């Protein structure tokens, strides 16, 4: 359906997290409301966005 997009949490600032795509380092950070992300994220967490939702990637 949708292609998966991989991110790393670069920074958390209050109610927002700033994500960086892992496949395109030259792109700007995207700002995402923390309410849309898994509760247990932290700076450095790896995420995948697919099927219109974010989930943490297990390492």
N, C-alpha and C. Protein backbone atom coordinates (compact mmCIF):
# COMPACT_ATOMS: atom_id res chain seq x y z
N UNK A 1 0.84 -1.18 0.00
CA UNK A 1 0.00 0.00 0.00
C UNK A 1 0.89 1.25 0.00
N UNK A 2 1.52 1.56 1.13
CA UNK A 2 2.43 2.70 1.23
C UNK A 2 3.83 2.16 1.46
N UNK A 3 4.81 2.86 0.93
CA UNK A 3 6.19 2.48 1.15
C UNK A 3 6.60 2.88 2.57
N UNK A 4 7.32 2.00 3.26
CA UNK A 4 7.79 2.29 4.61
C UNK A 4 8.87 3.37 4.55
N UNK A 5 8.85 4.28 5.52
CA UNK A 5 9.86 5.33 5.63
C UNK A 5 10.48 5.20 7.02
N UNK A 6 11.81 5.21 7.06
CA UNK A 6 12.54 5.00 8.30
C UNK A 6 13.09 6.32 8.83
N UNK A 7 12.96 6.49 10.16
CA UNK A 7 13.38 7.72 10.82
C UNK A 7 14.17 7.39 12.08
N UNK A 8 14.91 8.40 12.53
CA UNK A 8 15.54 8.37 13.85
C UNK A 8 15.10 9.64 14.56
N UNK A 9 14.77 9.51 15.85
CA UNK A 9 14.36 10.68 16.63
C UNK A 9 15.62 11.50 16.92
N UNK A 10 15.68 12.69 16.34
CA UNK A 10 16.84 13.56 16.51
C UNK A 10 16.74 14.36 17.81
N UNK A 11 15.51 14.79 18.13
CA UNK A 11 15.34 15.67 19.30
C UNK A 11 13.90 15.61 19.76
N UNK A 12 13.70 15.75 21.04
CA UNK A 12 12.36 15.86 21.61
C UNK A 12 12.28 17.20 22.31
N UNK A 13 11.22 17.94 22.00
CA UNK A 13 11.03 19.27 22.58
C UNK A 13 9.57 19.41 22.98
N UNK A 14 9.30 19.15 24.25
CA UNK A 14 7.93 19.26 24.75
C UNK A 14 7.00 18.26 24.11
N UNK A 15 5.96 18.75 23.46
CA UNK A 15 4.95 17.90 22.84
C UNK A 15 5.30 17.47 21.42
N UNK A 16 6.51 17.79 20.98
CA UNK A 16 6.92 17.47 19.61
C UNK A 16 8.23 16.70 19.58
N UNK A 17 8.36 15.87 18.56
CA UNK A 17 9.62 15.18 18.29
C UNK A 17 10.06 15.60 16.90
N UNK A 18 11.35 15.70 16.72
CA UNK A 18 11.93 16.06 15.44
C UNK A 18 12.62 14.83 14.88
N UNK A 19 12.17 14.42 13.70
CA UNK A 19 12.63 13.17 13.10
C UNK A 19 13.47 13.45 11.87
N UNK A 20 14.47 12.59 11.67
CA UNK A 20 15.32 12.65 10.49
C UNK A 20 15.22 11.34 9.75
N UNK A 21 14.99 11.40 8.45
CA UNK A 21 14.98 10.17 7.64
C UNK A 21 16.36 9.55 7.67
N UNK A 22 16.41 8.24 7.77
CA UNK A 22 17.71 7.58 7.81
C UNK A 22 18.27 7.32 6.43
N UNK A 23 17.44 7.40 5.40
CA UNK A 23 17.93 7.16 4.04
C UNK A 23 18.29 8.44 3.30
N UNK A 24 17.97 9.59 3.88
CA UNK A 24 18.23 10.89 3.24
C UNK A 24 18.71 11.88 4.28
N UNK A 25 19.97 11.82 4.62
CA UNK A 25 20.53 12.67 5.68
C UNK A 25 20.47 14.16 5.34
N UNK A 26 20.38 14.52 4.05
CA UNK A 26 20.39 15.92 3.66
C UNK A 26 19.03 16.60 3.82
N UNK A 27 17.98 15.83 4.10
CA UNK A 27 16.65 16.42 4.28
C UNK A 27 16.54 17.08 5.65
N UNK A 28 15.68 18.08 5.72
CA UNK A 28 15.45 18.75 6.99
C UNK A 28 14.68 17.86 7.94
N UNK A 29 14.77 18.17 9.23
CA UNK A 29 14.01 17.44 10.23
C UNK A 29 12.52 17.69 10.03
N UNK A 30 11.72 16.68 10.33
CA UNK A 30 10.28 16.90 10.32
C UNK A 30 9.79 16.93 11.76
N UNK A 31 8.82 17.77 12.02
CA UNK A 31 8.26 17.93 13.35
C UNK A 31 6.97 17.13 13.42
N UNK A 32 6.88 16.26 14.44
CA UNK A 32 5.71 15.39 14.60
C UNK A 32 5.22 15.52 16.03
N UNK A 33 3.92 15.65 16.20
CA UNK A 33 3.34 15.69 17.55
C UNK A 33 3.59 14.36 18.24
N UNK A 34 4.02 14.42 19.49
CA UNK A 34 4.32 13.19 20.23
C UNK A 34 3.09 12.32 20.39
N UNK A 35 1.91 12.89 20.34
CA UNK A 35 0.67 12.11 20.46
C UNK A 35 0.53 11.11 19.32
N UNK A 36 1.22 11.35 18.20
CA UNK A 36 1.15 10.44 17.05
C UNK A 36 2.22 9.35 17.09
N UNK A 37 3.12 9.45 18.06
CA UNK A 37 4.25 8.52 18.15
C UNK A 37 4.08 7.57 19.33
N UNK A 38 4.77 6.44 19.31
CA UNK A 38 4.71 5.54 20.46
C UNK A 38 5.21 6.25 21.73
N UNK A 39 4.57 5.98 22.86
CA UNK A 39 4.91 6.64 24.13
C UNK A 39 6.36 6.48 24.53
N UNK A 40 6.93 5.31 24.26
CA UNK A 40 8.25 4.97 24.77
C UNK A 40 9.41 5.50 23.93
N UNK A 41 9.16 6.41 22.98
CA UNK A 41 10.27 6.93 22.19
C UNK A 41 11.21 7.76 23.06
N UNK A 42 12.44 7.86 22.62
CA UNK A 42 13.45 8.68 23.25
C UNK A 42 14.36 9.18 22.14
N UNK A 43 15.19 10.18 22.43
CA UNK A 43 16.12 10.64 21.42
C UNK A 43 17.00 9.48 20.98
N UNK A 44 17.15 9.30 19.69
CA UNK A 44 17.91 8.20 19.14
C UNK A 44 17.08 6.99 18.77
N UNK A 45 15.82 6.95 19.17
CA UNK A 45 14.96 5.82 18.82
C UNK A 45 14.81 5.73 17.31
N UNK A 46 14.74 4.50 16.80
CA UNK A 46 14.50 4.27 15.37
C UNK A 46 13.03 3.96 15.18
N UNK A 47 12.44 4.63 14.19
CA UNK A 47 11.01 4.47 13.91
C UNK A 47 10.81 4.10 12.45
N UNK A 48 9.68 3.49 12.20
CA UNK A 48 9.25 3.27 10.82
C UNK A 48 7.82 3.80 10.71
N UNK A 49 7.54 4.47 9.59
CA UNK A 49 6.20 4.96 9.30
C UNK A 49 5.67 4.12 8.16
N UNK A 50 4.63 3.35 8.44
CA UNK A 50 3.97 2.58 7.40
C UNK A 50 2.52 2.37 7.78
N UNK A 51 1.70 2.22 6.79
CA UNK A 51 0.26 2.08 7.00
C UNK A 51 -0.30 3.20 7.87
N UNK A 52 0.22 4.40 7.64
CA UNK A 52 -0.24 5.63 8.30
C UNK A 52 -0.02 5.65 9.81
N UNK A 53 0.97 4.92 10.30
CA UNK A 53 1.29 5.00 11.73
C UNK A 53 2.78 4.76 11.94
N UNK A 54 3.26 5.28 13.08
CA UNK A 54 4.66 5.12 13.45
C UNK A 54 4.78 3.98 14.44
N UNK A 55 5.88 3.23 14.33
CA UNK A 55 6.19 2.22 15.34
C UNK A 55 7.69 2.16 15.53
N UNK A 56 8.09 1.74 16.71
CA UNK A 56 9.51 1.65 17.04
C UNK A 56 10.08 0.38 16.41
N UNK A 57 11.28 0.52 15.86
CA UNK A 57 11.99 -0.63 15.32
C UNK A 57 12.81 -1.26 16.44
N UNK A 58 12.68 -2.53 16.59
CA UNK A 58 13.47 -3.25 17.59
C UNK A 58 14.86 -3.48 17.04
N UNK A 59 15.86 -3.29 17.88
CA UNK A 59 17.24 -3.49 17.43
C UNK A 59 17.76 -4.84 17.82
